[in-house]
Amino acid sequence: MCNLYRSEPRAWAQDVKAQRVALSAIARGDERRLSPLQRVFAYVPLEHAENMDFQQIPVEQFGVLRAEIPRNNVSVAQNFSIMLGDIAR
């Protein structure tokens, strides 16, 4: 939505709602039923939050996700390692 309404307040109007949904899913463990790629997108509202504590949550969750990727799936593991390294910086 941010690109659709760039420079307008409504671009961020749903941020708090999206953050609540993400936090709730994590608290209940619901996001663990998603595919790895879906989980990445589930954490996006927290990655872009103004609250630094919220930003730390996906970093921690990505660490969990990285550990869950089967080692025999080399391409996925490598791509996640690259992405997660970028996020953690």
C-alpha atoms as a PDB file:
ATOM      1  CA  MET A   1       0.000   0.000   0.000  1.00  0.00           C
ATOM      2  CA  CYS A   2       2.868   2.395   0.621  1.00  0.00           C
ATOM      3  CA  ASN A   3       3.643   2.683  -3.089  1.00  0.00           C
ATOM      4  CA  LEU A   4      -0.006   3.045  -4.038  1.00  0.00           C
ATOM      5  CA  TYR A   5      -0.554   6.057  -1.779  1.00  0.00           C
ATOM      6  CA  ARG A   6       2.994   7.381  -1.640  1.00  0.00           C
ATOM      7  CA  SER A   7       3.350  10.569   0.425  1.00  0.00           C
ATOM      8  CA  GLU A   8      -0.204  10.289   1.724  1.00  0.00           C
ATOM      9  CA  PRO A   9      -1.078   9.352   5.325  1.00  0.00           C
ATOM     10  CA  ARG A  10      -3.186   6.432   4.144  1.00  0.00           C
ATOM     11  CA  ALA A  11       0.003   4.766   2.883  1.00  0.00           C
ATOM     12  CA  TRP A  12       0.715   3.796   6.498  1.00  0.00           C
ATOM     13  CA  ALA A  13      -2.859   3.677   7.783  1.00  0.00           C
ATOM     14  CA  GLN A  14      -2.895  -0.114   8.156  1.00  0.00           C
ATOM     15  CA  ASP A  15       0.601  -0.549   9.623  1.00  0.00           C
ATOM     16  CA  VAL A  16      -0.573  -0.985  13.217  1.00  0.00           C
ATOM     17  CA  LYS A  17      -3.204  -3.519  12.194  1.00  0.00           C
ATOM     18  CA  ALA A  18      -0.655  -5.499  10.156  1.00  0.00           C
ATOM     19  CA  GLN A  19       1.797  -5.435  13.070  1.00  0.00           C
ATOM     20  CA  ARG A  20      -0.888  -6.715  15.451  1.00  0.00           C
ATOM     21  CA  VAL A  21      -1.725  -9.566  13.089  1.00  0.00           C
ATOM     22  CA  ALA A  22       1.967 -10.495  12.750  1.00  0.00           C
ATOM     23  CA  LEU A  23       2.590 -10.341  16.506  1.00  0.00           C
ATOM     24  CA  SER A  24      -0.517 -12.387  17.224  1.00  0.00           C
ATOM     25  CA  ALA A  25       0.450 -15.045  14.672  1.00  0.00           C
ATOM     26  CA  ILE A  26       3.920 -15.321  16.189  1.00  0.00           C
ATOM     27  CA  ALA A  27       2.574 -15.463  19.752  1.00  0.00           C
ATOM     28  CA  ARG A  28       0.194 -18.304  18.818  1.00  0.00           C
ATOM     29  CA  GLY A  29       2.749 -20.059  16.616  1.00  0.00           C
ATOM     30  CA  ASP A  30       0.412 -19.784  13.633  1.00  0.00           C
ATOM     31  CA  GLU A  31       3.138 -18.571  11.304  1.00  0.00           C
ATOM     32  CA  ARG A  32       4.967 -21.876  11.832  1.00  0.00           C
ATOM     33  CA  ARG A  33       2.301 -23.545   9.655  1.00  0.00           C
ATOM     34  CA  LEU A  34       3.280 -21.363   6.693  1.00  0.00           C
ATOM     35  CA  SER A  35       5.898 -22.185   4.083  1.00  0.00           C
ATOM     36  CA  PRO A  36       9.308 -20.541   4.583  1.00  0.00           C
ATOM     37  CA  LEU A  37       8.558 -17.943   1.909  1.00  0.00           C
ATOM     38  CA  GLN A  38       5.155 -17.160   3.413  1.00  0.00           C
ATOM     39  CA  ARG A  39       6.795 -16.742   6.822  1.00  0.00           C
ATOM     40  CA  VAL A  40       9.187 -14.184   5.370  1.00  0.00           C
ATOM     41  CA  PHE A  41       6.225 -12.126   4.197  1.00  0.00           C
ATOM     42  CA  ALA A  42       4.410 -12.603   7.510  1.00  0.00           C
ATOM     43  CA  TYR A  43       7.296 -10.821   9.256  1.00  0.00           C
ATOM     44  CA  VAL A  44       7.434  -7.835   6.860  1.00  0.00           C
ATOM     45  CA  PRO A  45       5.128  -5.563   8.912  1.00  0.00           C
ATOM     46  CA  LEU A  46       7.515  -5.920  11.844  1.00  0.00           C
ATOM     47  CA  GLU A  47      10.649  -5.425   9.758  1.00  0.00           C
ATOM     48  CA  HIS A  48       9.402  -2.013   8.659  1.00  0.00           C
ATOM     49  CA  ALA A  49       8.000  -0.917  12.020  1.00  0.00           C
ATOM     50  CA  GLU A  50       9.117   2.317  13.629  1.00  0.00           C
ATOM     51  CA  ASN A  51       9.435   0.421  16.915  1.00  0.00           C
ATOM     52  CA  MET A  52      12.958  -1.047  17.182  1.00  0.00           C
ATOM     53  CA  ASP A  53      11.721  -3.849  19.464  1.00  0.00           C
ATOM     54  CA  PHE A  54       9.319  -4.902  16.711  1.00  0.00           C
ATOM     55  CA  GLN A  55      12.184  -4.865  14.206  1.00  0.00           C
ATOM     56  CA  GLN A  56      14.174  -7.290  16.364  1.00  0.00           C
ATOM     57  CA  ILE A  57      11.409  -9.915  16.327  1.00  0.00           C
ATOM     58  CA  PRO A  58      11.777 -10.879  12.650  1.00  0.00           C
ATOM     59  CA  VAL A  59      15.558 -11.054  13.048  1.00  0.00           C
ATOM     60  CA  GLU A  60      15.023 -13.645  15.785  1.00  0.00           C
ATOM     61  CA  GLN A  61      12.335 -15.453  13.793  1.00  0.00           C
ATOM     62  CA  PHE A  62      14.575 -15.596  10.725  1.00  0.00           C
ATOM     63  CA  GLY A  63      17.192 -17.330  12.860  1.00  0.00           C
ATOM     64  CA  VAL A  64      14.606 -19.947  13.803  1.00  0.00           C
ATOM     65  CA  LEU A  65      13.532 -20.241  10.190  1.00  0.00           C
ATOM     66  CA  ARG A  66      17.104 -20.677   8.993  1.00  0.00           C
ATOM     67  CA  ALA A  67      17.616 -23.534  11.449  1.00  0.00           C
ATOM     68  CA  GLU A  68      14.468 -25.259  10.165  1.00  0.00           C
ATOM     69  CA  ILE A  69      15.443 -25.270   6.491  1.00  0.00           C
ATOM     70  CA  PRO A  70      16.550 -28.767   5.542  1.00  0.00           C
ATOM     71  CA  ARG A  71      20.283 -28.860   4.979  1.00  0.00           C
ATOM     72  CA  ASN A  72      19.768 -30.955   1.851  1.00  0.00           C
ATOM     73  CA  ASN A  73      17.890 -28.056   0.232  1.00  0.00           C
ATOM     74  CA  VAL A  74      21.097 -26.191  -0.539  1.00  0.00           C
ATOM     75  CA  SER A  75      19.689 -23.497  -2.838  1.00  0.00           C
ATOM     76  CA  VAL A  76      16.966 -22.471  -0.384  1.00  0.00           C
ATOM     77  CA  ALA A  77      19.386 -22.544   2.542  1.00  0.00           C
ATOM     78  CA  GLN A  78      21.933 -20.418   0.657  1.00  0.00           C
ATOM     79  CA  ASN A  79      19.322 -17.878  -0.426  1.00  0.00           C
ATOM     80  CA  PHE A  80      17.957 -17.586   3.092  1.00  0.00           C
ATOM     81  CA  SER A  81      21.446 -17.247   4.537  1.00  0.00           C
ATOM     82  CA  ILE A  82      22.207 -14.388   2.152  1.00  0.00           C
ATOM     83  CA  MET A  83      18.892 -12.678   2.864  1.00  0.00           C
ATOM     84  CA  LEU A  84      19.118 -13.173   6.613  1.00  0.00           C
ATOM     85  CA  GLY A  85      22.652 -11.859   6.657  1.00  0.00           C
ATOM     86  CA  ASP A  86      21.448  -8.696   4.946  1.00  0.00           C
ATOM     87  CA  ILE A  87      18.576  -8.277   7.392  1.00  0.00           C
ATOM     88  CA  ALA A  88      20.739  -8.773  10.470  1.00  0.00           C
ATOM     89  CA  ARG A  89      23.130  -6.000   9.437  1.00  0.00           C
END
